[in-house]
Amino acid sequence: MQTPEQGASTAVYLASAPELEGVTGGYYENSQKVSPSAKAVNSKLAYSLWAVSEELTGATEALEPLGLSVRAAKLPS
């Protein structure tokens, strides 16, 4: 188990390190860049999670005009 300070240390490093200015994206553990897990890059899993999130939040109508709804394509017209 980490202390709150230990848990926050990577986020603080990423937000304040001059050598990372302008760097976006990536996965970091203990202030080191690491490769994402297979689940993190699984597009089918991401799609399913997004669809379930829309259903649970009821956000489909708000997301549809933005072209972000994955459920809208499945809903009857």
PDB file of N, CA and C in Angstrom:
ATOM      1  N   MET A   1       0.845  -1.174   0.000  1.00  0.00           N
ATOM      2  CA  MET A   1       0.000   0.000   0.000  1.00  0.00           C
ATOM      3  C   MET A   1       0.891   1.238   0.000  1.00  0.00           C
ATOM      4  N   GLN A   2       0.508   2.217  -0.826  1.00  0.00           N
ATOM      5  CA  GLN A   2       1.270   3.459  -0.901  1.00  0.00           C
ATOM      6  C   GLN A   2       0.643   4.540  -0.042  1.00  0.00           C
ATOM      7  N   THR A   3       1.474   5.455   0.392  1.00  0.00           N
ATOM      8  CA  THR A   3       0.967   6.637   1.077  1.00  0.00           C
ATOM      9  C   THR A   3       0.347   7.551   0.018  1.00  0.00           C
ATOM     10  N   PRO A   4      -0.476   8.514   0.410  1.00  0.00           N
ATOM     11  CA  PRO A   4      -1.007   9.466  -0.569  1.00  0.00           C
ATOM     12  C   PRO A   4       0.107  10.186  -1.328  1.00  0.00           C
ATOM     13  N   GLU A   5       1.182  10.516  -0.641  1.00  0.00           N
ATOM     14  CA  GLU A   5       2.309  11.204  -1.280  1.00  0.00           C
ATOM     15  C   GLU A   5       2.953  10.316  -2.341  1.00  0.00           C
ATOM     16  N   GLN A   6       3.140   9.033  -2.028  1.00  0.00           N
ATOM     17  CA  GLN A   6       3.710   8.098  -2.995  1.00  0.00           C
ATOM     18  C   GLN A   6       2.766   7.913  -4.183  1.00  0.00           C
ATOM     19  N   GLY A   7       1.477   7.823  -3.900  1.00  0.00           N
ATOM     20  CA  GLY A   7       0.500   7.650  -4.965  1.00  0.00           C
ATOM     21  C   GLY A   7       0.443   8.839  -5.912  1.00  0.00           C
ATOM     22  N   ALA A   8       0.686  10.012  -5.382  1.00  0.00           N
ATOM     23  CA  ALA A   8       0.620  11.229  -6.190  1.00  0.00           C
ATOM     24  C   ALA A   8       1.941  11.579  -6.856  1.00  0.00           C
ATOM     25  N   SER A   9       3.008  10.926  -6.481  1.00  0.00           N
ATOM     26  CA  SER A   9       4.333  11.353  -6.943  1.00  0.00           C
ATOM     27  C   SER A   9       4.486  11.315  -8.459  1.00  0.00           C
ATOM     28  N   THR A  10       3.942  10.306  -9.134  1.00  0.00           N
ATOM     29  CA  THR A  10       4.071  10.249 -10.597  1.00  0.00           C
ATOM     30  C   THR A  10       3.288  11.379 -11.249  1.00  0.00           C
ATOM     31  N   ALA A  11       2.076  11.637 -10.782  1.00  0.00           N
ATOM     32  CA  ALA A  11       1.276  12.728 -11.348  1.00  0.00           C
ATOM     33  C   ALA A  11       1.970  14.069 -11.134  1.00  0.00           C
ATOM     34  N   VAL A  12       2.537  14.271  -9.973  1.00  0.00           N
ATOM     35  CA  VAL A  12       3.257  15.519  -9.694  1.00  0.00           C
ATOM     36  C   VAL A  12       4.478  15.626 -10.603  1.00  0.00           C
ATOM     37  N   TYR A  13       5.203  14.526 -10.771  1.00  0.00           N
ATOM     38  CA  TYR A  13       6.365  14.520 -11.663  1.00  0.00           C
ATOM     39  C   TYR A  13       5.950  14.872 -13.087  1.00  0.00           C
ATOM     40  N   LEU A  14       4.909  14.231 -13.593  1.00  0.00           N
ATOM     41  CA  LEU A  14       4.463  14.476 -14.966  1.00  0.00           C
ATOM     42  C   LEU A  14       4.008  15.920 -15.171  1.00  0.00           C
ATOM     43  N   ALA A  15       3.413  16.504 -14.155  1.00  0.00           N
ATOM     44  CA  ALA A  15       2.917  17.879 -14.263  1.00  0.00           C
ATOM     45  C   ALA A  15       4.021  18.923 -14.122  1.00  0.00           C
ATOM     46  N   SER A  16       5.135  18.541 -13.513  1.00  0.00           N
ATOM     47  CA  SER A  16       6.139  19.564 -13.206  1.00  0.00           C
ATOM     48  C   SER A  16       7.520  19.351 -13.831  1.00  0.00           C
ATOM     49  N   ALA A  17       7.772  18.223 -14.448  1.00  0.00           N
ATOM     50  CA  ALA A  17       9.101  17.944 -14.999  1.00  0.00           C
ATOM     51  C   ALA A  17       9.349  18.766 -16.265  1.00  0.00           C
ATOM     52  N   PRO A  18      10.358  19.622 -16.267  1.00  0.00           N
ATOM     53  CA  PRO A  18      10.641  20.443 -17.454  1.00  0.00           C
ATOM     54  C   PRO A  18      10.898  19.603 -18.702  1.00  0.00           C
ATOM     55  N   GLU A  19      11.517  18.441 -18.538  1.00  0.00           N
ATOM     56  CA  GLU A  19      11.830  17.600 -19.697  1.00  0.00           C
ATOM     57  C   GLU A  19      10.592  16.973 -20.345  1.00  0.00           C
ATOM     58  N   LEU A  20       9.458  17.061 -19.675  1.00  0.00           N
ATOM     59  CA  LEU A  20       8.220  16.513 -20.225  1.00  0.00           C
ATOM     60  C   LEU A  20       7.278  17.601 -20.732  1.00  0.00           C
ATOM     61  N   GLU A  21       7.724  18.837 -20.744  1.00  0.00           N
ATOM     62  CA  GLU A  21       6.879  19.921 -21.248  1.00  0.00           C
ATOM     63  C   GLU A  21       6.503  19.640 -22.699  1.00  0.00           C
ATOM     64  N   GLY A  22       5.216  19.683 -22.983  1.00  0.00           N
ATOM     65  CA  GLY A  22       4.709  19.436 -24.333  1.00  0.00           C
ATOM     66  C   GLY A  22       4.493  17.970 -24.657  1.00  0.00           C
ATOM     67  N   VAL A  23       4.903  17.070 -23.772  1.00  0.00           N
ATOM     68  CA  VAL A  23       4.701  15.637 -23.996  1.00  0.00           C
ATOM     69  C   VAL A  23       3.283  15.269 -23.577  1.00  0.00           C
ATOM     70  N   THR A  24       2.576  14.568 -24.441  1.00  0.00           N
ATOM     71  CA  THR A  24       1.219  14.141 -24.106  1.00  0.00           C
ATOM     72  C   THR A  24       1.106  12.633 -24.304  1.00  0.00           C
ATOM     73  N   GLY A  25       0.118  12.060 -23.642  1.00  0.00           N
ATOM     74  CA  GLY A  25      -0.123  10.625 -23.780  1.00  0.00           C
ATOM     75  C   GLY A  25       0.913   9.808 -23.031  1.00  0.00           C
ATOM     76  N   GLY A  26       0.750   8.514 -23.120  1.00  0.00           N
ATOM     77  CA  GLY A  26       1.691   7.615 -22.481  1.00  0.00           C
ATOM     78  C   GLY A  26       1.168   7.066 -21.167  1.00  0.00           C
ATOM     79  N   TYR A  27       1.796   6.010 -20.744  1.00  0.00           N
ATOM     80  CA  TYR A  27       1.471   5.352 -19.479  1.00  0.00           C
ATOM     81  C   TYR A  27       2.710   5.413 -18.599  1.00  0.00           C
ATOM     82  N   TYR A  28       2.496   5.784 -17.344  1.00  0.00           N
ATOM     83  CA  TYR A  28       3.617   5.947 -16.434  1.00  0.00           C
ATOM     84  C   TYR A  28       3.345   5.230 -15.123  1.00  0.00           C
ATOM     85  N   GLU A  29       4.387   4.604 -14.597  1.00  0.00           N
ATOM     86  CA  GLU A  29       4.378   3.997 -13.265  1.00  0.00           C
ATOM     87  C   GLU A  29       5.659   4.421 -12.575  1.00  0.00           C
ATOM     88  N   ASN A  30       5.549   4.858 -11.356  1.00  0.00           N
ATOM     89  CA  ASN A  30       6.725   5.264 -10.586  1.00  0.00           C
ATOM     90  C   ASN A  30       7.620   6.226 -11.381  1.00  0.00           C
ATOM     91  N   SER A  31       6.973   7.175 -12.028  1.00  0.00           N
ATOM     92  CA  SER A  31       7.646   8.228 -12.806  1.00  0.00           C
ATOM     93  C   SER A  31       8.423   7.709 -14.010  1.00  0.00           C
ATOM     94  N   GLN A  32       8.138   6.497 -14.443  1.00  0.00           N
ATOM     95  CA  GLN A  32       8.797   5.908 -15.608  1.00  0.00           C
ATOM     96  C   GLN A  32       7.748   5.556 -16.651  1.00  0.00           C
ATOM     97  N   LYS A  33       8.047   5.831 -17.918  1.00  0.00           N
ATOM     98  CA  LYS A  33       7.134   5.465 -18.994  1.00  0.00           C
ATOM     99  C   LYS A  33       7.156   3.946 -19.158  1.00  0.00           C
ATOM    100  N   VAL A  34       5.953   3.359 -19.269  1.00  0.00           N
ATOM    101  CA  VAL A  34       5.823   1.909 -19.427  1.00  0.00           C
ATOM    102  C   VAL A  34       4.885   1.612 -20.588  1.00  0.00           C
ATOM    103  N   SER A  35       4.941   0.397 -21.077  1.00  0.00           N
ATOM    104  CA  SER A  35       4.015  -0.025 -22.129  1.00  0.00           C
ATOM    105  C   SER A  35       2.651  -0.301 -21.518  1.00  0.00           C
ATOM    106  N   PRO A  36       1.573   0.062 -22.222  1.00  0.00           N
ATOM    107  CA  PRO A  36       0.236  -0.225 -21.697  1.00  0.00           C
ATOM    108  C   PRO A  36      -0.050  -1.728 -21.735  1.00  0.00           C
ATOM    109  N   SER A  37      -0.954  -2.155 -20.883  1.00  0.00           N
ATOM    110  CA  SER A  37      -1.352  -3.565 -20.870  1.00  0.00           C
ATOM    111  C   SER A  37      -2.165  -3.880 -22.122  1.00  0.00           C
ATOM    112  N   ALA A  38      -2.328  -5.153 -22.401  1.00  0.00           N
ATOM    113  CA  ALA A  38      -3.124  -5.576 -23.558  1.00  0.00           C
ATOM    114  C   ALA A  38      -4.569  -5.072 -23.434  1.00  0.00           C
ATOM    115  N   LYS A  39      -5.113  -5.071 -22.228  1.00  0.00           N
ATOM    116  CA  LYS A  39      -6.489  -4.591 -22.030  1.00  0.00           C
ATOM    117  C   LYS A  39      -6.610  -3.102 -22.329  1.00  0.00           C
ATOM    118  N   ALA A  40      -5.563  -2.345 -22.035  1.00  0.00           N
ATOM    119  CA  ALA A  40      -5.601  -0.896 -22.252  1.00  0.00           C
ATOM    120  C   ALA A  40      -5.644  -0.526 -23.726  1.00  0.00           C
ATOM    121  N   VAL A  41      -5.185  -1.400 -24.599  1.00  0.00           N
ATOM    122  CA  VAL A  41      -5.175  -1.106 -26.029  1.00  0.00           C
ATOM    123  C   VAL A  41      -6.161  -1.976 -26.813  1.00  0.00           C
ATOM    124  N   ASN A  42      -7.053  -2.651 -26.106  1.00  0.00           N
ATOM    125  CA  ASN A  42      -8.047  -3.520 -26.735  1.00  0.00           C
ATOM    126  C   ASN A  42      -9.236  -2.679 -27.188  1.00  0.00           C
ATOM    127  N   SER A  43      -9.372  -2.466 -28.501  1.00  0.00           N
ATOM    128  CA  SER A  43     -10.421  -1.586 -29.010  1.00  0.00           C
ATOM    129  C   SER A  43     -11.820  -2.171 -28.810  1.00  0.00           C
ATOM    130  N   LYS A  44     -11.975  -3.481 -28.860  1.00  0.00           N
ATOM    131  CA  LYS A  44     -13.299  -4.084 -28.606  1.00  0.00           C
ATOM    132  C   LYS A  44     -13.722  -3.851 -27.162  1.00  0.00           C
ATOM    133  N   LEU A  45     -12.794  -4.000 -26.252  1.00  0.00           N
ATOM    134  CA  LEU A  45     -13.082  -3.756 -24.843  1.00  0.00           C
ATOM    135  C   LEU A  45     -13.407  -2.283 -24.611  1.00  0.00           C
ATOM    136  N   ALA A  46     -12.666  -1.383 -25.246  1.00  0.00           N
ATOM    137  CA  ALA A  46     -12.924   0.054 -25.110  1.00  0.00           C
ATOM    138  C   ALA A  46     -14.320   0.406 -25.622  1.00  0.00           C
ATOM    139  N   TYR A  47     -14.692  -0.153 -26.764  1.00  0.00           N
ATOM    140  CA  TYR A  47     -16.018   0.077 -27.341  1.00  0.00           C
ATOM    141  C   TYR A  47     -17.107  -0.398 -26.377  1.00  0.00           C
ATOM    142  N   SER A  48     -16.931  -1.600 -25.827  1.00  0.00           N
ATOM    143  CA  SER A  48     -17.917  -2.154 -24.894  1.00  0.00           C
ATOM    144  C   SER A  48     -18.041  -1.294 -23.647  1.00  0.00           C
ATOM    145  N   LEU A  49     -16.919  -0.853 -23.115  1.00  0.00           N
ATOM    146  CA  LEU A  49     -16.941  -0.004 -21.917  1.00  0.00           C
ATOM    147  C   LEU A  49     -17.640   1.314 -22.204  1.00  0.00           C
ATOM    148  N   TRP A  50     -17.372   1.904 -23.369  1.00  0.00           N
ATOM    149  CA  TRP A  50     -18.016   3.160 -23.742  1.00  0.00           C
ATOM    150  C   TRP A  50     -19.528   2.952 -23.847  1.00  0.00           C
ATOM    151  N   ALA A  51     -19.959   1.863 -24.501  1.00  0.00           N
ATOM    152  CA  ALA A  51     -21.385   1.601 -24.669  1.00  0.00           C
ATOM    153  C   ALA A  51     -22.077   1.403 -23.328  1.00  0.00           C
ATOM    154  N   VAL A  52     -21.461   0.652 -22.433  1.00  0.00           N
ATOM    155  CA  VAL A  52     -22.045   0.439 -21.102  1.00  0.00           C
ATOM    156  C   VAL A  52     -22.096   1.757 -20.336  1.00  0.00           C
ATOM    157  N   SER A  53     -21.049   2.571 -20.462  1.00  0.00           N
ATOM    158  CA  SER A  53     -21.033   3.865 -19.778  1.00  0.00           C
ATOM    159  C   SER A  53     -22.158   4.766 -20.277  1.00  0.00           C
ATOM    160  N   GLU A  54     -22.402   4.756 -21.587  1.00  0.00           N
ATOM    161  CA  GLU A  54     -23.516   5.539 -22.140  1.00  0.00           C
ATOM    162  C   GLU A  54     -24.835   5.064 -21.550  1.00  0.00           C
ATOM    163  N   GLU A  55     -24.996   3.755 -21.510  1.00  0.00           N
ATOM    164  CA  GLU A  55     -26.254   3.198 -21.003  1.00  0.00           C
ATOM    165  C   GLU A  55     -26.459   3.550 -19.535  1.00  0.00           C
ATOM    166  N   LEU A  56     -25.427   3.392 -18.730  1.00  0.00           N
ATOM    167  CA  LEU A  56     -25.551   3.653 -17.294  1.00  0.00           C
ATOM    168  C   LEU A  56     -25.742   5.133 -16.976  1.00  0.00           C
ATOM    169  N   THR A  57     -25.162   6.004 -17.784  1.00  0.00           N
ATOM    170  CA  THR A  57     -25.271   7.448 -17.520  1.00  0.00           C
ATOM    171  C   THR A  57     -26.410   8.110 -18.280  1.00  0.00           C
ATOM    172  N   GLY A  58     -26.941   7.408 -19.288  1.00  0.00           N
ATOM    173  CA  GLY A  58     -27.982   8.008 -20.112  1.00  0.00           C
ATOM    174  C   GLY A  58     -27.454   9.116 -20.998  1.00  0.00           C
ATOM    175  N   ALA A  59     -26.172   9.069 -21.327  1.00  0.00           N
ATOM    176  CA  ALA A  59     -25.533  10.158 -22.058  1.00  0.00           C
ATOM    177  C   ALA A  59     -25.648  10.046 -23.571  1.00  0.00           C
ATOM    178  N   THR A  60     -26.311   9.040 -24.088  1.00  0.00           N
ATOM    179  CA  THR A  60     -26.356   8.828 -25.536  1.00  0.00           C
ATOM    180  C   THR A  60     -26.872  10.060 -26.277  1.00  0.00           C
ATOM    181  N   GLU A  61     -27.958  10.652 -25.813  1.00  0.00           N
ATOM    182  CA  GLU A  61     -28.534  11.812 -26.505  1.00  0.00           C
ATOM    183  C   GLU A  61     -27.575  12.991 -26.526  1.00  0.00           C
ATOM    184  N   ALA A  62     -26.838  13.206 -25.458  1.00  0.00           N
ATOM    185  CA  ALA A  62     -25.888  14.312 -25.409  1.00  0.00           C
ATOM    186  C   ALA A  62     -24.675  14.046 -26.298  1.00  0.00           C
ATOM    187  N   LEU A  63     -24.292  12.788 -26.437  1.00  0.00           N
ATOM    188  CA  LEU A  63     -23.099  12.448 -27.214  1.00  0.00           C
ATOM    189  C   LEU A  63     -23.373  12.316 -28.703  1.00  0.00           C
ATOM    190  N   GLU A  64     -24.607  11.989 -29.059  1.00  0.00           N
ATOM    191  CA  GLU A  64     -24.944  11.752 -30.462  1.00  0.00           C
ATOM    192  C   GLU A  64     -24.641  12.944 -31.371  1.00  0.00           C
ATOM    193  N   PRO A  65     -25.033  14.178 -31.025  1.00  0.00           N
ATOM    194  CA  PRO A  65     -24.728  15.312 -31.912  1.00  0.00           C
ATOM    195  C   PRO A  65     -23.233  15.548 -32.097  1.00  0.00           C
ATOM    196  N   LEU A  66     -22.431  15.085 -31.147  1.00  0.00           N
ATOM    197  CA  LEU A  66     -20.986  15.256 -31.229  1.00  0.00           C
ATOM    198  C   LEU A  66     -20.323  14.120 -31.999  1.00  0.00           C
ATOM    199  N   GLY A  67     -21.122  13.137 -32.414  1.00  0.00           N
ATOM    200  CA  GLY A  67     -20.576  11.984 -33.121  1.00  0.00           C
ATOM    201  C   GLY A  67     -19.820  11.047 -32.206  1.00  0.00           C
ATOM    202  N   LEU A  68     -20.092  11.107 -30.895  1.00  0.00           N
ATOM    203  CA  LEU A  68     -19.364  10.291 -29.931  1.00  0.00           C
ATOM    204  C   LEU A  68     -20.161   9.097 -29.421  1.00  0.00           C
ATOM    205  N   SER A  69     -21.423   9.003 -29.771  1.00  0.00           N
ATOM    206  CA  SER A  69     -22.241   7.915 -29.258  1.00  0.00           C
ATOM    207  C   SER A  69     -22.022   6.638 -30.041  1.00  0.00           C
ATOM    208  N   VAL A  70     -21.701   5.569 -29.329  1.00  0.00           N
ATOM    209  CA  VAL A  70     -21.596   4.263 -29.983  1.00  0.00           C
ATOM    210  C   VAL A  70     -22.930   3.530 -29.941  1.00  0.00           C
ATOM    211  N   ARG A  71     -23.783   3.895 -29.006  1.00  0.00           N
ATOM    212  CA  ARG A  71     -25.087   3.254 -28.893  1.00  0.00           C
ATOM    213  C   ARG A  71     -26.076   3.811 -29.906  1.00  0.00           C
ATOM    214  N   ALA A  72     -25.923   5.064 -30.302  1.00  0.00           N
ATOM    215  CA  ALA A  72     -26.885   5.691 -31.214  1.00  0.00           C
ATOM    216  C   ALA A  72     -27.027   4.905 -32.496  1.00  0.00           C
ATOM    217  N   ALA A  73     -25.960   4.340 -32.974  1.00  0.00           N
ATOM    218  CA  ALA A  73     -26.015   3.561 -34.221  1.00  0.00           C
ATOM    219  C   ALA A  73     -26.826   2.294 -34.041  1.00  0.00           C
ATOM    220  N   LYS A  74     -26.948   1.814 -32.808  1.00  0.00           N
ATOM    221  CA  LYS A  74     -27.672   0.578 -32.525  1.00  0.00           C
ATOM    222  C   LYS A  74     -29.130   0.846 -32.181  1.00  0.00           C
ATOM    223  N   LEU A  75     -29.460   2.094 -31.814  1.00  0.00           N
ATOM    224  CA  LEU A  75     -30.807   2.410 -31.379  1.00  0.00           C
ATOM    225  C   LEU A  75     -31.739   2.520 -32.611  1.00  0.00           C
ATOM    226  N   PRO A  76     -32.996   2.051 -32.478  1.00  0.00           N
ATOM    227  CA  PRO A  76     -33.918   2.188 -33.592  1.00  0.00           C
ATOM    228  C   PRO A  76     -34.221   3.655 -33.880  1.00  0.00           C
ATOM    229  N   SER A  77     -34.417   3.975 -35.154  1.00  0.00           N
ATOM    230  CA  SER A  77     -34.676   5.370 -35.534  1.00  0.00           C
ATOM    231  C   SER A  77     -36.106   5.768 -35.227  1.00  0.00           C
TER     232      SER A  77
END
